[in-house]
Structure formats: structure tokens, C-alpha cells
């Protein structure tokens, strides 16, 4: 028999102070959880009521030598990203992958 507790599962790591898209600024670091992957990018829940998009051209992580290498995000991964584009009127957030947590 298995006993699982809610604390045993990974939860998305959101910035505690950011709750709405109106509080975001270009250049902010955000954390989130990948909830959809497409051929053009990945959608990430960053805790502001709208999903952010990491375009495939922005999916790079640094290798052991500090060089960027392409990375394919998977559903359920927690990431750290930087806000690159922000269109509040359309509810669109573009982010760049910094690292996988």
C-alpha cells in the first residue's frame, strides 16, 4: 500500500509577489511549469492567469562549457525564465528559457 501526501508532489514555483499580468515587466525573472508543448514552442504557467510562450528559438540552456545548446522542454518541467515580450492588451507573454529547475 502506498501513502502519498500532497507535499510529495512537485508544485509549480511561482514568484510570490507577482499575481497578475499587470505586475509583470520586461526583464523580470519568473518561474513556472510547462503545461503544453507544440511544434513552435512551449506554454508555461507562470502564475499570472495567462500562460507564457517560450518560442523554440528561445529554448537554450548552457552546457558544461557555458555554451548555449538547444533544449526541448517537456510537459511538467519546472523552469526559470526571463520575460522578453509583454502585450498586456492581448494577454500575451513571451519568455526566454534560462534553466530547467
N, C-alpha and C. Protein backbone atom coordinates (compact mmCIF):
# COMPACT_ATOMS: atom_id res chain seq x y z
N UNK A 1 0.84 -1.18 0.00
CA UNK A 1 0.00 0.00 0.00
C UNK A 1 0.88 1.24 0.00
N UNK A 2 0.49 2.23 -0.80
CA UNK A 2 1.27 3.45 -0.92
C UNK A 2 0.53 4.58 -0.21
N UNK A 3 1.27 5.37 0.50
CA UNK A 3 0.71 6.55 1.16
C UNK A 3 1.35 7.78 0.53
N UNK A 4 0.55 8.55 -0.20
CA UNK A 4 1.05 9.76 -0.83
C UNK A 4 0.42 10.96 -0.14
N UNK A 5 1.20 11.97 0.02
CA UNK A 5 0.73 13.21 0.58
C UNK A 5 0.89 14.30 -0.46
N UNK A 6 0.09 15.34 -0.36
CA UNK A 6 0.16 16.44 -1.32
C UNK A 6 1.58 16.99 -1.38
N UNK A 7 2.29 17.03 -0.27
CA UNK A 7 3.64 17.57 -0.24
C UNK A 7 4.64 16.71 -1.00
N UNK A 8 4.27 15.45 -1.34
CA UNK A 8 5.16 14.56 -2.07
C UNK A 8 5.27 14.91 -3.55
N UNK A 9 4.35 15.68 -4.08
CA UNK A 9 4.33 16.01 -5.49
C UNK A 9 4.90 17.40 -5.73
N UNK A 10 5.54 17.56 -6.89
CA UNK A 10 6.11 18.86 -7.23
C UNK A 10 5.01 19.86 -7.52
N UNK A 11 5.16 21.03 -6.97
CA UNK A 11 4.25 22.13 -7.23
C UNK A 11 4.99 23.16 -8.06
N UNK A 12 4.29 23.93 -8.90
CA UNK A 12 4.98 24.99 -9.63
C UNK A 12 5.54 26.01 -8.64
N UNK A 13 6.68 26.55 -8.99
CA UNK A 13 7.31 27.55 -8.15
C UNK A 13 7.03 28.92 -8.75
N UNK A 14 6.10 29.65 -8.18
CA UNK A 14 5.75 30.96 -8.69
C UNK A 14 6.37 32.03 -7.81
N UNK A 15 6.68 33.18 -8.41
CA UNK A 15 7.10 34.32 -7.61
C UNK A 15 5.92 34.72 -6.74
N UNK A 16 6.13 34.83 -5.48
CA UNK A 16 5.05 35.12 -4.55
C UNK A 16 4.46 36.51 -4.75
N UNK A 17 5.25 37.47 -5.21
CA UNK A 17 4.76 38.84 -5.31
C UNK A 17 4.00 39.11 -6.61
N UNK A 18 4.15 38.28 -7.63
CA UNK A 18 3.50 38.52 -8.92
C UNK A 18 2.25 37.66 -9.03
N UNK A 19 1.10 38.31 -9.11
CA UNK A 19 -0.17 37.59 -9.19
C UNK A 19 -0.97 37.91 -10.44
N UNK A 20 -0.58 38.95 -11.17
CA UNK A 20 -1.37 39.40 -12.32
C UNK A 20 -0.42 39.87 -13.42
N UNK A 21 -0.89 39.78 -14.66
CA UNK A 21 -0.08 40.19 -15.81
C UNK A 21 0.29 41.68 -15.73
N UNK A 22 -0.54 42.48 -15.09
CA UNK A 22 -0.26 43.91 -14.98
C UNK A 22 0.95 44.20 -14.10
N UNK A 23 1.37 43.23 -13.29
CA UNK A 23 2.52 43.41 -12.40
C UNK A 23 3.83 43.00 -13.06
N UNK A 24 3.76 42.37 -14.23
CA UNK A 24 4.97 41.92 -14.92
C UNK A 24 5.64 43.06 -15.67
N UNK A 25 6.96 42.97 -15.79
CA UNK A 25 7.75 43.91 -16.57
C UNK A 25 8.72 43.11 -17.44
N UNK A 26 9.08 43.67 -18.59
CA UNK A 26 10.09 43.04 -19.42
C UNK A 26 11.39 42.99 -18.62
N UNK A 27 12.04 41.83 -18.62
CA UNK A 27 13.27 41.64 -17.87
C UNK A 27 13.08 40.92 -16.56
N UNK A 28 11.83 40.77 -16.08
CA UNK A 28 11.56 40.04 -14.84
C UNK A 28 11.91 38.57 -15.01
N UNK A 29 12.45 37.98 -13.94
CA UNK A 29 12.65 36.53 -13.92
C UNK A 29 11.40 35.91 -13.33
N UNK A 30 10.92 34.85 -13.96
CA UNK A 30 9.73 34.15 -13.50
C UNK A 30 10.01 32.66 -13.46
N UNK A 31 9.27 31.95 -12.63
CA UNK A 31 9.34 30.50 -12.60
C UNK A 31 7.98 29.97 -13.00
N UNK A 32 7.95 28.79 -13.53
CA UNK A 32 6.67 28.21 -13.93
C UNK A 32 6.81 26.76 -14.30
N UNK A 33 5.67 26.20 -14.69
CA UNK A 33 5.60 24.78 -15.04
C UNK A 33 5.06 24.66 -16.46
N UNK A 34 5.74 23.87 -17.28
CA UNK A 34 5.33 23.65 -18.67
C UNK A 34 4.04 22.84 -18.68
N UNK A 35 3.01 23.37 -19.37
CA UNK A 35 1.75 22.62 -19.41
C UNK A 35 1.31 22.25 -20.82
N UNK A 36 2.04 22.70 -21.85
CA UNK A 36 1.73 22.30 -23.22
C UNK A 36 2.95 22.52 -24.09
N UNK A 37 3.23 21.57 -24.98
CA UNK A 37 4.36 21.69 -25.90
C UNK A 37 3.83 21.55 -27.32
N UNK A 38 4.24 22.47 -28.20
CA UNK A 38 3.82 22.44 -29.61
C UNK A 38 5.06 22.44 -30.50
N UNK A 39 4.85 22.41 -31.80
CA UNK A 39 5.99 22.44 -32.73
C UNK A 39 6.68 23.79 -32.75
N UNK A 40 6.02 24.85 -32.29
CA UNK A 40 6.62 26.19 -32.32
C UNK A 40 7.08 26.67 -30.95
N UNK A 41 6.81 25.92 -29.89
CA UNK A 41 7.24 26.34 -28.57
C UNK A 41 6.53 25.60 -27.45
N UNK A 42 6.63 26.15 -26.25
CA UNK A 42 6.01 25.55 -25.09
C UNK A 42 5.27 26.62 -24.30
N UNK A 43 4.10 26.26 -23.78
CA UNK A 43 3.32 27.16 -22.95
C UNK A 43 3.58 26.84 -21.49
N UNK A 44 3.83 27.90 -20.71
CA UNK A 44 4.24 27.75 -19.33
C UNK A 44 3.30 28.54 -18.42
N UNK A 45 2.82 27.87 -17.37
CA UNK A 45 2.00 28.53 -16.35
C UNK A 45 2.95 29.24 -15.39
N UNK A 46 2.92 30.58 -15.40
CA UNK A 46 3.80 31.35 -14.53
C UNK A 46 3.04 32.00 -13.38
N UNK A 47 1.78 31.63 -13.22
CA UNK A 47 1.02 32.06 -12.06
C UNK A 47 0.38 33.43 -12.15
N UNK A 48 0.17 33.96 -13.37
CA UNK A 48 -0.45 35.28 -13.51
C UNK A 48 -1.78 35.22 -14.25
N UNK A 49 -2.33 34.03 -14.41
CA UNK A 49 -3.63 33.90 -15.06
C UNK A 49 -3.55 33.69 -16.56
N UNK A 50 -2.41 33.91 -17.16
CA UNK A 50 -2.18 33.69 -18.59
C UNK A 50 -0.92 32.85 -18.74
N UNK A 51 -0.92 31.94 -19.71
CA UNK A 51 0.27 31.16 -20.00
C UNK A 51 1.26 32.00 -20.79
N UNK A 52 2.53 31.78 -20.54
CA UNK A 52 3.59 32.43 -21.29
C UNK A 52 4.11 31.46 -22.33
N UNK A 53 4.63 31.99 -23.43
CA UNK A 53 5.15 31.17 -24.51
C UNK A 53 6.67 31.27 -24.55
N UNK A 54 7.32 30.09 -24.57
CA UNK A 54 8.75 30.01 -24.86
C UNK A 54 8.84 29.53 -26.30
N UNK A 55 9.23 30.41 -27.21
CA UNK A 55 9.37 30.04 -28.61
C UNK A 55 10.56 29.08 -28.75
N UNK A 56 10.52 28.17 -29.73
CA UNK A 56 11.61 27.21 -29.90
C UNK A 56 12.96 27.89 -30.06
N UNK A 57 12.99 29.07 -30.63
CA UNK A 57 14.25 29.80 -30.80
C UNK A 57 14.80 30.31 -29.47
N UNK A 58 13.99 30.27 -28.42
CA UNK A 58 14.39 30.75 -27.09
C UNK A 58 14.60 29.60 -26.10
N UNK A 59 14.62 28.35 -26.61
CA UNK A 59 14.81 27.18 -25.74
C UNK A 59 16.25 26.73 -25.78
N UNK A 60 17.10 27.40 -25.04
CA UNK A 60 18.50 27.05 -24.94
C UNK A 60 18.91 27.02 -23.48
N UNK A 61 19.74 26.07 -23.12
CA UNK A 61 20.36 26.03 -21.80
C UNK A 61 21.87 25.94 -22.02
N UNK A 62 22.62 26.36 -21.02
CA UNK A 62 24.08 26.34 -21.16
C UNK A 62 24.62 24.96 -20.83
N UNK A 63 25.56 24.51 -21.66
CA UNK A 63 26.19 23.22 -21.41
C UNK A 63 27.31 23.38 -20.38
N UNK A 64 28.08 22.33 -20.16
CA UNK A 64 29.15 22.34 -19.16
C UNK A 64 30.23 23.39 -19.45
N UNK A 65 30.33 23.81 -20.69
CA UNK A 65 31.35 24.79 -21.08
C UNK A 65 30.78 26.20 -21.19
N UNK A 66 29.53 26.40 -20.82
CA UNK A 66 28.91 27.72 -20.86
C UNK A 66 28.34 28.09 -22.21
N UNK A 67 28.36 27.16 -23.16
CA UNK A 67 27.80 27.44 -24.49
C UNK A 67 26.32 27.08 -24.51
N UNK A 68 25.51 27.89 -25.18
CA UNK A 68 24.09 27.55 -25.27
C UNK A 68 23.86 26.35 -26.17
N UNK A 69 23.01 25.44 -25.72
CA UNK A 69 22.63 24.30 -26.55
C UNK A 69 21.10 24.18 -26.51
N UNK A 70 20.55 23.75 -27.64
CA UNK A 70 19.10 23.64 -27.77
C UNK A 70 18.56 22.63 -26.77
N UNK A 71 17.41 22.94 -26.19
CA UNK A 71 16.78 22.06 -25.22
C UNK A 71 15.31 21.93 -25.57
N UNK A 72 14.77 20.73 -25.55
CA UNK A 72 13.34 20.50 -25.82
C UNK A 72 12.61 20.35 -24.50
N UNK A 73 11.77 21.31 -24.17
CA UNK A 73 11.01 21.25 -22.93
C UNK A 73 9.99 20.13 -22.98
N UNK A 74 9.68 19.58 -21.82
CA UNK A 74 8.70 18.51 -21.67
C UNK A 74 7.59 18.97 -20.73
N UNK A 75 6.39 18.47 -20.93
CA UNK A 75 5.26 18.79 -20.05
C UNK A 75 5.61 18.39 -18.62
N UNK A 76 5.32 19.30 -17.69
CA UNK A 76 5.56 19.04 -16.28
C UNK A 76 6.87 19.57 -15.75
N UNK A 77 7.78 20.01 -16.62
CA UNK A 77 9.06 20.54 -16.14
C UNK A 77 8.88 21.92 -15.52
N UNK A 78 9.61 22.16 -14.44
CA UNK A 78 9.66 23.49 -13.83
C UNK A 78 10.85 24.24 -14.42
N UNK A 79 10.63 25.52 -14.75
CA UNK A 79 11.69 26.28 -15.40
C UNK A 79 11.84 27.66 -14.75
N UNK A 80 13.00 28.25 -15.00
CA UNK A 80 13.26 29.65 -14.69
C UNK A 80 13.39 30.34 -16.03
N UNK A 81 12.73 31.48 -16.19
CA UNK A 81 12.74 32.18 -17.48
C UNK A 81 12.76 33.68 -17.25
N UNK A 82 13.04 34.42 -18.32
CA UNK A 82 13.03 35.87 -18.30
C UNK A 82 11.94 36.37 -19.24
N UNK A 83 11.18 37.36 -18.79
CA UNK A 83 10.14 37.96 -19.64
C UNK A 83 10.82 38.78 -20.72
N UNK A 84 10.53 38.43 -21.98
CA UNK A 84 11.15 39.11 -23.11
C UNK A 84 10.18 40.06 -23.83
N UNK A 85 8.94 39.60 -23.98
CA UNK A 85 7.91 40.40 -24.66
C UNK A 85 6.66 40.39 -23.80
N UNK A 86 5.95 41.51 -23.82
CA UNK A 86 4.76 41.64 -22.99
C UNK A 86 3.74 42.49 -23.73
N UNK A 87 2.59 41.91 -24.02
CA UNK A 87 1.49 42.65 -24.65
C UNK A 87 0.27 42.47 -23.77
N UNK A 88 0.10 43.40 -22.84
CA UNK A 88 -1.00 43.29 -21.87
C UNK A 88 -2.37 43.37 -22.53
N UNK A 89 -2.51 44.18 -23.57
CA UNK A 89 -3.81 44.34 -24.22
C UNK A 89 -4.28 43.04 -24.86
N UNK A 90 -3.36 42.22 -25.35
CA UNK A 90 -3.72 40.95 -25.96
C UNK A 90 -3.52 39.77 -25.00
N UNK A 91 -2.96 40.04 -23.83
CA UNK A 91 -2.73 38.98 -22.85
C UNK A 91 -1.64 38.02 -23.26
N UNK A 92 -0.60 38.52 -23.95
CA UNK A 92 0.46 37.66 -24.44
C UNK A 92 1.77 37.95 -23.71
N UNK A 93 2.43 36.87 -23.32
CA UNK A 93 3.70 36.96 -22.61
C UNK A 93 4.70 36.07 -23.32
N UNK A 94 5.82 36.64 -23.72
CA UNK A 94 6.90 35.87 -24.35
C UNK A 94 8.06 35.78 -23.37
N UNK A 95 8.56 34.56 -23.17
CA UNK A 95 9.65 34.36 -22.23
C UNK A 95 10.79 33.59 -22.88
N UNK A 96 11.99 33.74 -22.29
CA UNK A 96 13.18 33.04 -22.74
C UNK A 96 13.62 32.10 -21.65
N UNK A 97 13.89 30.86 -22.00
CA UNK A 97 14.33 29.85 -21.04
C UNK A 97 15.71 30.23 -20.49
N UNK A 98 15.83 30.21 -19.15
CA UNK A 98 17.11 30.44 -18.50
C UNK A 98 17.69 29.10 -18.05
N UNK A 99 16.88 28.33 -17.31
CA UNK A 99 17.31 27.00 -16.91
C UNK A 99 16.12 26.16 -16.49
N UNK A 100 16.33 24.86 -16.51
CA UNK A 100 15.33 23.91 -16.07
C UNK A 100 15.63 23.62 -14.60
N UNK A 101 14.60 23.72 -13.77
CA UNK A 101 14.79 23.52 -12.33
C UNK A 101 14.62 22.07 -11.94
